[in-house]
Amino acid sequence: MTATQSITQQIVDTVNGVLGEGRPGVVPLHVPTFQSNAWNYVKECIDTGWVSSVGSYVSRFEQDLAKYTGAKHAIAVSTGTAALHIALMMAGVKTGDEVLCPSLTFVATANAVSYCGAVPHFVDVEYTSFGIDASAIRDYARKAFERRSDGYSYNKKTGRRIGALLGMHAFGHPFDIEDVSRLAEELGCPMIEDAAESLGSFYKSKHTGTFGKLGIVSFNGNKIITTGGGGAILTDDDELGQRAKHITTTGKVGHKYEYVHDIVAYNYRLPNLNAALGCAQMEYIDALLIQKRALAQRYTDAFATLGGMSILPEPAGTRSNFWFSTLLLSPEIADATFPAIDALHSAGLLCRPIWRPMHQLPMYAHCPRMAMTVTEDLASRVISLPSSAGL
């Protein structure tokens, strides 16, 4: 047996050991957990006919989210990507701007920037949280950007304005929000939080997605809670909250019967049927998070006995939802990453590598970027393990 085969077998055996003898034949990467009220609320929508974008569950879901996250406003929309698109617009990102965002992220982060007619400007991440590295960006910005009299920073090479700094909480682990916020102030641009993966995660006791001018969360089928699809914009700004609600509901104004719309807007409304599913899960989100953290701890303990691999811990001063339990292999055994993924799948243990970095995708290869030292290193040695709360 080769060294790579030996490492691969250790990983498969360890995951099997954590999940126990009674596991199903195939273990998905992440599936939702539903309790009785999920069916009751959805059935009520079906029985009453209130299944589309009008109904009481949408408002209730928004209120539940605002209360749970501490945000003053939560605007429910059809997807997390739609939420991010509108958040960028509300923050003032315009056609021709550049938006600083991580290359190590799901493609929706960069796509939302493109929807605004802006250009993603990719930045590197750090090892603690896999979030953007404010210190490294500062060093890069001193050479690459100039602050002008209008208060904004501009790319010296392209002449484009830096319209926003967009951070993403990878796998539910909060990045260093305070330092990234300071960086945004130094650059003269708003900070936006892509908290798609971090519902239930807290930075110094405050919920992620509530620190910047705007933040977003996602309720895709593989998230902590799901509405089938769906997302929400979070903000404490009354005007931004009202504008976000208006522009995501086709810009309709308050006429009793007529179809009157005052702006070009978007039909990003979350249907009542989907919101009902979300309301049911918000009732037991704390229990889901306890299960998620317990699973991550079992993985952590099991892999601690092996050399050269470990589960990514939550950063100091944070409380992570451990959306995915993330296995990090040391550089010395990085060659085993994809053979291990193949072996896990063959054993019925569905897992994933980390995202292909954005700057390596064909549609974004031309975009401006800093050196991607950490991003390219991590891309070769991360495995997301089966992480459903029910495990």
Protein backbone atom coordinates (compact mmCIF):
# COMPACT_ATOMS: atom_id res chain seq x y z
CA MET A 1 0.00 0.00 0.00
CA THR A 2 1.36 3.44 -0.95
CA ALA A 3 1.54 6.34 1.49
CA THR A 4 -1.36 8.05 -0.29
CA GLN A 5 -3.47 4.90 -0.11
CA SER A 6 -2.69 4.56 3.58
CA ILE A 7 -3.75 8.16 4.30
CA THR A 8 -6.87 7.73 2.22
CA GLN A 9 -7.87 4.61 4.13
CA GLN A 10 -7.27 6.36 7.46
CA ILE A 11 -9.65 9.13 6.43
CA VAL A 12 -12.37 6.72 5.31
CA ASP A 13 -12.02 4.62 8.47
CA THR A 14 -12.12 7.70 10.69
CA VAL A 15 -15.28 9.11 9.10
CA ASN A 16 -16.93 5.70 9.32
CA GLY A 17 -15.93 5.51 12.97
CA VAL A 18 -17.45 8.91 13.74
CA LEU A 19 -20.75 8.11 12.01
CA GLY A 20 -21.05 4.68 13.59
CA GLU A 21 -22.21 1.25 12.54
CA GLY A 22 -25.83 2.22 12.00
CA ARG A 23 -25.21 4.80 9.30
CA PRO A 24 -27.21 4.54 6.04
CA GLY A 25 -25.60 3.01 2.97
CA VAL A 26 -25.04 6.42 1.41
CA VAL A 27 -24.45 9.45 3.64
CA PRO A 28 -25.18 12.76 1.87
CA LEU A 29 -22.94 15.77 2.37
CA HIS A 30 -25.69 17.82 3.97
CA VAL A 31 -29.46 17.35 4.07
CA PRO A 32 -32.14 19.30 5.98
CA THR A 33 -33.90 18.18 9.13
CA PHE A 34 -37.68 18.67 9.30
CA GLN A 35 -40.00 18.34 12.27
CA SER A 36 -43.79 18.15 12.41
CA ASN A 37 -44.65 21.82 12.03
CA ALA A 38 -42.86 21.95 8.69
CA TRP A 39 -45.60 19.78 7.21
CA ASN A 40 -48.35 21.53 9.18
CA TYR A 41 -47.39 25.01 7.97
CA VAL A 42 -46.83 23.96 4.36
CA LYS A 43 -50.13 22.07 4.37
CA GLU A 44 -51.89 25.19 5.66
CA CYS A 45 -50.54 27.13 2.65
CA ILE A 46 -51.78 24.42 0.30
CA ASP A 47 -55.16 24.08 1.99
CA THR A 48 -55.79 27.85 1.95
CA GLY A 49 -54.29 28.49 -1.47
CA TRP A 50 -51.77 31.02 -0.13
CA VAL A 51 -48.75 29.45 -1.79
CA SER A 52 -47.27 32.32 -3.78
CA SER A 53 -45.67 35.64 -2.88
CA VAL A 54 -48.56 36.90 -0.75
CA GLY A 55 -49.26 35.35 2.63
CA SER A 56 -48.66 35.67 6.35
CA TYR A 57 -45.67 33.35 6.54
CA VAL A 58 -43.39 35.69 4.58
CA SER A 59 -43.81 38.49 7.12
CA ARG A 60 -43.55 36.04 10.00
CA PHE A 61 -40.33 34.57 8.59
CA GLU A 62 -38.82 38.03 8.19
CA GLN A 63 -39.74 38.88 11.78
CA ASP A 64 -38.26 35.60 13.04
CA LEU A 65 -35.02 36.25 11.19
CA ALA A 66 -34.75 39.82 12.43
CA LYS A 67 -35.33 38.72 16.01
CA TYR A 68 -32.86 35.84 15.80
CA THR A 69 -30.04 37.74 14.09
CA GLY A 70 -30.59 41.05 15.86
CA ALA A 71 -30.95 42.90 12.55
CA LYS A 72 -33.52 45.68 12.43
CA HIS A 73 -34.72 44.55 9.02
CA ALA A 74 -34.74 41.17 7.28
CA ILE A 75 -36.04 41.09 3.71
CA ALA A 76 -36.81 37.58 2.46
CA VAL A 77 -36.04 36.88 -1.21
CA SER A 78 -35.97 33.96 -3.61
CA THR A 79 -32.27 33.02 -3.30
CA GLY A 80 -29.14 33.98 -1.42
CA THR A 81 -27.66 35.16 -4.71
CA ALA A 82 -30.62 37.50 -5.24
CA ALA A 83 -30.09 38.83 -1.72
CA LEU A 84 -26.44 39.51 -2.46
CA HIS A 85 -27.28 41.20 -5.78
CA ILE A 86 -29.67 43.62 -4.08
CA ALA A 87 -27.35 44.20 -1.11
CA LEU A 88 -24.59 45.30 -3.49
CA MET A 89 -27.01 47.61 -5.31
CA MET A 90 -28.28 49.10 -2.04
CA ALA A 91 -24.69 49.70 -0.94
CA GLY A 92 -24.16 51.86 -4.02
CA VAL A 93 -22.15 49.52 -6.25
CA LYS A 94 -22.46 50.77 -9.82
CA THR A 95 -21.61 49.64 -13.32
CA GLY A 96 -17.86 49.90 -13.85
CA ASP A 97 -16.94 49.67 -10.15
CA GLU A 98 -14.65 47.04 -8.73
CA VAL A 99 -15.70 45.04 -5.67
CA LEU A 100 -13.05 43.42 -3.49
CA CYS A 101 -14.11 39.83 -2.77
CA PRO A 102 -12.42 36.54 -1.98
CA SER A 103 -11.37 34.22 -4.76
CA LEU A 104 -11.97 31.33 -2.35
CA THR A 105 -15.76 31.36 -2.30
CA PHE A 106 -18.82 29.89 -3.96
CA VAL A 107 -19.36 31.37 -7.41
CA ALA A 108 -22.51 33.26 -6.35
CA THR A 109 -20.35 35.82 -4.54
CA ALA A 110 -18.59 36.86 -7.74
CA ASN A 111 -21.71 36.43 -9.89
CA ALA A 112 -23.67 38.92 -7.79
CA VAL A 113 -20.94 41.49 -8.39
CA SER A 114 -21.21 40.86 -12.13
CA TYR A 115 -25.01 41.26 -12.03
CA CYS A 116 -24.40 44.87 -10.95
CA GLY A 117 -22.21 45.51 -13.98
CA ALA A 118 -19.22 45.68 -11.64
CA VAL A 119 -15.95 43.76 -11.77
CA PRO A 120 -14.82 41.33 -9.04
CA HIS A 121 -11.36 42.23 -7.77
CA PHE A 122 -10.16 39.07 -6.08
CA VAL A 123 -8.27 39.10 -2.80
CA ASP A 124 -6.56 36.41 -0.75
CA VAL A 125 -7.72 34.73 2.45
CA GLU A 126 -6.09 33.71 5.72
CA TYR A 127 -5.74 30.29 7.32
CA THR A 128 -7.67 30.88 10.56
CA SER A 129 -11.16 31.31 9.11
CA PHE A 130 -10.60 30.99 5.35
CA GLY A 131 -11.97 34.55 5.26
CA ILE A 132 -10.40 37.56 3.56
CA ASP A 133 -7.03 38.65 4.93
CA ALA A 134 -7.32 42.33 5.87
CA SER A 135 -3.62 42.67 6.69
CA ALA A 136 -2.48 41.27 3.34
CA ILE A 137 -5.01 43.40 1.49
CA ARG A 138 -3.70 46.53 3.24
CA ASP A 139 -0.19 45.82 1.98
CA TYR A 140 -1.54 45.21 -1.51
CA ALA A 141 -3.78 48.30 -1.45
CA ARG A 142 -0.89 50.65 -0.65
CA LYS A 143 0.61 49.82 -4.03
CA ALA A 144 -2.48 49.10 -6.09
CA PHE A 145 -4.99 51.78 -4.99
CA GLU A 146 -5.14 55.52 -4.47
CA ARG A 147 -7.57 57.41 -2.27
CA ARG A 148 -9.05 60.41 -4.09
CA SER A 149 -10.71 63.61 -2.95
CA ASP A 150 -14.19 62.09 -3.24
CA GLY A 151 -13.27 59.71 -0.41
CA TYR A 152 -13.19 56.55 -2.52
CA SER A 153 -10.21 54.40 -3.44
CA TYR A 154 -9.44 53.71 -7.09
CA ASN A 155 -7.45 51.02 -8.84
CA LYS A 156 -4.35 52.75 -10.22
CA LYS A 157 -4.17 50.44 -13.24
CA THR A 158 -7.82 50.38 -14.32
CA GLY A 159 -8.98 53.71 -12.93
CA ARG A 160 -12.09 52.01 -11.55
CA ARG A 161 -13.62 52.92 -8.22
CA ILE A 162 -13.55 50.37 -5.38
CA GLY A 163 -17.27 50.24 -4.75
CA ALA A 164 -17.41 47.78 -1.84
CA LEU A 165 -15.52 45.26 0.23
CA LEU A 166 -17.39 41.94 0.24
CA GLY A 167 -16.36 39.37 2.84
CA MET A 168 -17.65 35.79 3.01
CA HIS A 169 -17.91 33.65 6.15
CA ALA A 170 -16.58 30.35 4.82
CA PHE A 171 -18.25 27.16 6.07
CA GLY A 172 -19.94 29.22 8.79
CA HIS A 173 -16.70 30.39 10.43
CA PRO A 174 -16.76 34.17 11.01
CA PHE A 175 -13.86 36.09 9.53
CA ASP A 176 -12.16 38.88 11.50
CA ILE A 177 -15.02 41.33 11.07
CA GLU A 178 -13.49 44.15 13.13
CA ASP A 179 -10.28 44.22 11.11
CA VAL A 180 -12.10 43.90 7.80
CA SER A 181 -14.45 46.74 8.84
CA ARG A 182 -11.44 48.95 9.59
CA LEU A 183 -10.01 48.11 6.19
CA ALA A 184 -13.26 49.12 4.49
CA GLU A 185 -13.15 52.47 6.31
CA GLU A 186 -9.53 52.99 5.23
CA LEU A 187 -10.52 52.33 1.62
CA GLY A 188 -13.60 54.53 1.82
CA CYS A 189 -16.07 51.84 0.81
CA PRO A 190 -18.90 49.94 2.52
CA MET A 191 -18.38 46.46 3.91
CA ILE A 192 -20.96 43.86 2.94
CA GLU A 193 -21.14 40.44 4.60
CA ASP A 194 -21.86 37.35 2.55
CA ALA A 195 -23.16 35.32 5.48
CA ALA A 196 -24.88 32.79 3.21
CA GLU A 197 -23.31 29.90 5.10
CA SER A 198 -23.30 31.35 8.61
CA LEU A 199 -26.85 31.58 9.94
CA GLY A 200 -26.35 30.79 13.62
CA SER A 201 -22.73 31.98 13.73
CA PHE A 202 -21.63 34.80 16.02
CA TYR A 203 -18.63 37.12 16.19
CA LYS A 204 -18.07 38.39 19.74
CA SER A 205 -21.69 37.54 20.59
CA LYS A 206 -23.16 39.42 17.61
CA HIS A 207 -24.68 37.55 14.68
CA THR A 208 -22.82 37.48 11.38
CA GLY A 209 -24.36 39.52 8.59
CA THR A 210 -25.23 42.40 10.95
CA PHE A 211 -21.91 44.26 11.13
CA GLY A 212 -21.63 45.85 7.70
CA LYS A 213 -23.97 48.25 5.95
CA LEU A 214 -25.81 45.18 4.65
CA GLY A 215 -25.47 41.43 4.98
CA ILE A 216 -27.18 38.40 3.54
CA VAL A 217 -28.02 34.84 4.55
CA SER A 218 -29.07 31.87 2.42
CA PHE A 219 -31.69 29.15 2.82
CA ASN A 220 -30.63 26.90 -0.04
CA GLY A 221 -31.37 23.20 0.37
CA ASN A 222 -27.98 22.46 1.91
CA LYS A 223 -27.92 25.28 4.48
CA ILE A 224 -28.54 25.15 8.26
CA ILE A 225 -32.23 25.74 7.62
CA THR A 226 -33.81 25.71 4.19
CA THR A 227 -36.83 27.17 2.45
CA GLY A 228 -36.07 24.99 -0.58
CA GLY A 229 -34.36 28.03 -2.06
CA GLY A 230 -34.31 31.47 -0.59
CA GLY A 231 -32.25 34.10 1.14
CA ALA A 232 -32.59 37.31 3.11
CA ILE A 233 -31.03 40.76 3.20
CA LEU A 234 -30.11 42.03 6.68
CA THR A 235 -29.70 45.70 7.57
CA ASP A 236 -30.19 48.13 10.44
CA ASP A 237 -30.76 51.04 8.05
CA ASP A 238 -34.46 51.93 7.78
CA GLU A 239 -34.16 53.53 4.34
CA LEU A 240 -32.10 50.68 2.91
CA GLY A 241 -34.52 48.14 4.35
CA GLN A 242 -37.50 49.86 2.76
CA ARG A 243 -35.73 50.26 -0.58
CA ALA A 244 -34.63 46.62 -0.57
CA LYS A 245 -38.19 45.45 0.09
CA HIS A 246 -39.53 47.70 -2.67
CA ILE A 247 -37.03 46.72 -5.35
CA THR A 248 -37.37 42.97 -4.64
CA THR A 249 -41.17 43.10 -4.96
CA THR A 250 -41.30 44.51 -8.52
CA GLY A 251 -41.37 48.14 -7.39
CA LYS A 252 -45.12 48.07 -6.91
CA VAL A 253 -46.67 51.11 -5.24
CA GLY A 254 -49.73 51.20 -3.02
CA HIS A 255 -52.65 51.42 -5.39
CA LYS A 256 -55.65 49.33 -4.37
CA TYR A 257 -56.43 47.73 -7.73
CA GLU A 258 -54.08 49.03 -10.40
CA TYR A 259 -50.75 47.60 -11.41
CA VAL A 260 -48.57 50.63 -10.76
CA HIS A 261 -44.78 50.37 -10.51
CA ASP A 262 -42.42 53.30 -10.08
CA ILE A 263 -38.98 51.79 -10.85
CA VAL A 264 -37.38 49.01 -12.86
CA ALA A 265 -37.27 46.36 -10.16
CA TYR A 266 -36.99 42.62 -9.57
CA ASN A 267 -39.40 39.82 -8.86
CA TYR A 268 -37.22 38.33 -6.13
CA ARG A 269 -40.07 37.66 -3.68
CA LEU A 270 -39.95 34.56 -1.49
CA PRO A 271 -43.18 32.54 -1.88
CA ASN A 272 -45.36 32.00 1.17
CA LEU A 273 -45.00 28.22 0.77
CA ASN A 274 -41.23 28.48 1.13
CA ALA A 275 -41.46 30.92 4.02
CA ALA A 276 -43.71 28.50 5.88
CA LEU A 277 -40.96 25.89 5.72
CA GLY A 278 -38.50 28.45 7.08
CA CYS A 279 -40.79 29.46 9.95
CA ALA A 280 -41.05 25.87 11.08
CA GLN A 281 -37.29 25.37 11.13
CA MET A 282 -36.61 28.63 12.94
CA GLU A 283 -38.52 27.10 15.85
CA TYR A 284 -35.76 24.52 16.39
CA ILE A 285 -32.66 26.16 14.92
CA ASP A 286 -30.91 26.14 18.30
CA ALA A 287 -31.28 22.37 18.54
CA LEU A 288 -29.88 21.96 15.01
CA LEU A 289 -26.86 24.04 15.93
CA ILE A 290 -26.20 21.93 19.02
CA GLN A 291 -26.24 18.81 16.84
CA LYS A 292 -23.96 20.41 14.24
CA ARG A 293 -21.42 21.44 16.85
CA ALA A 294 -21.53 18.02 18.49
CA LEU A 295 -20.80 16.33 15.16
CA ALA A 296 -17.91 18.71 14.49
CA GLN A 297 -16.48 17.92 17.91
CA ARG A 298 -16.65 14.17 17.23
CA TYR A 299 -14.79 14.71 13.96
CA THR A 300 -12.27 16.95 15.74
CA ASP A 301 -11.55 14.37 18.42
CA ALA A 302 -11.26 11.53 15.93
CA PHE A 303 -8.88 13.28 13.55
CA ALA A 304 -6.76 14.61 16.43
CA THR A 305 -5.34 11.10 16.80
CA LEU A 306 -3.99 11.16 13.24
CA GLY A 307 -1.01 13.04 11.91
CA GLY A 308 -1.15 15.70 9.21
CA MET A 309 -4.88 16.39 9.22
CA SER A 310 -7.35 18.26 11.41
CA ILE A 311 -10.84 19.75 11.46
CA LEU A 312 -10.89 23.54 10.98
CA PRO A 313 -11.75 25.00 14.42
CA GLU A 314 -13.87 28.07 15.03
CA PRO A 315 -11.71 31.23 15.29
CA ALA A 316 -11.11 32.74 18.74
CA GLY A 317 -13.91 35.03 19.88
CA THR A 318 -16.49 33.42 17.60
CA ARG A 319 -19.17 30.78 17.78
CA SER A 320 -19.50 28.91 14.51
CA ASN A 321 -22.47 27.01 13.18
CA PHE A 322 -20.01 24.46 11.70
CA TRP A 323 -22.10 24.38 8.54
CA PHE A 324 -19.61 21.96 7.06
CA SER A 325 -17.10 20.03 9.14
CA THR A 326 -13.99 20.85 7.15
CA LEU A 327 -10.96 18.57 7.07
CA LEU A 328 -7.64 20.27 6.33
CA LEU A 329 -4.72 18.12 5.23
CA SER A 330 -1.17 19.30 5.78
CA PRO A 331 0.83 20.41 2.72
CA GLU A 332 2.99 17.28 3.02
CA ILE A 333 0.01 15.02 2.30
CA ALA A 334 -1.98 17.32 0.01
CA ASP A 335 -1.61 14.78 -2.82
CA ALA A 336 -4.02 12.54 -0.92
CA THR A 337 -6.89 15.06 -1.03
CA PHE A 338 -8.60 13.99 -4.25
CA PRO A 339 -7.84 10.27 -3.88
CA ALA A 340 -9.45 10.51 -0.43
CA ILE A 341 -12.51 12.23 -1.88
CA ASP A 342 -12.83 9.44 -4.46
CA ALA A 343 -12.44 6.79 -1.74
CA LEU A 344 -15.02 8.46 0.53
CA HIS A 345 -17.54 8.52 -2.30
CA SER A 346 -16.84 4.88 -3.09
CA ALA A 347 -17.59 4.10 0.55
CA GLY A 348 -20.93 5.94 0.35
CA LEU A 349 -19.63 8.97 2.27
CA LEU A 350 -20.44 11.97 0.12
CA CYS A 351 -18.00 14.85 0.47
CA ARG A 352 -16.63 17.79 -1.53
CA PRO A 353 -13.37 19.60 -2.18
CA ILE A 354 -13.33 23.32 -1.53
CA TRP A 355 -14.49 25.57 -4.35
CA ARG A 356 -12.31 26.06 -7.41
CA PRO A 357 -10.89 29.58 -6.85
CA MET A 358 -12.76 32.23 -8.77
CA HIS A 359 -9.67 33.55 -10.54
CA GLN A 360 -9.20 30.10 -12.07
CA LEU A 361 -12.68 30.06 -13.67
CA PRO A 362 -12.82 31.06 -17.33
CA MET A 363 -15.26 33.96 -16.95
CA TYR A 364 -13.22 35.53 -14.13
CA ALA A 365 -9.65 34.74 -15.20
CA HIS A 366 -9.24 38.27 -16.61
CA CYS A 367 -10.32 40.05 -13.41
CA PRO A 368 -7.84 42.04 -11.30
CA ARG A 369 -6.39 40.20 -8.32
CA MET A 370 -3.67 40.18 -5.73
CA ALA A 371 -1.33 37.23 -5.19
CA MET A 372 -3.38 34.17 -4.22
CA THR A 373 -0.83 32.35 -2.07
CA VAL A 374 -3.16 31.07 0.64
CA THR A 375 -6.15 30.58 -1.67
CA GLU A 376 -4.23 28.33 -4.05
CA ASP A 377 -2.68 26.42 -1.17
CA LEU A 378 -6.02 25.71 0.51
CA ALA A 379 -7.70 24.76 -2.76
CA SER A 380 -5.53 21.66 -2.92
CA ARG A 381 -6.05 20.24 0.58
CA VAL A 382 -9.55 20.78 1.96
CA ILE A 383 -12.33 18.19 2.20
CA SER A 384 -15.87 18.96 3.42
CA LEU A 385 -17.15 15.90 5.28
CA PRO A 386 -20.79 14.70 5.74
CA SER A 387 -22.25 17.35 8.04
CA SER A 388 -26.03 16.92 8.35
CA ALA A 389 -27.39 17.77 11.79
CA GLY A 390 -29.14 14.39 11.88
CA LEU A 391 -25.81 12.57 11.89
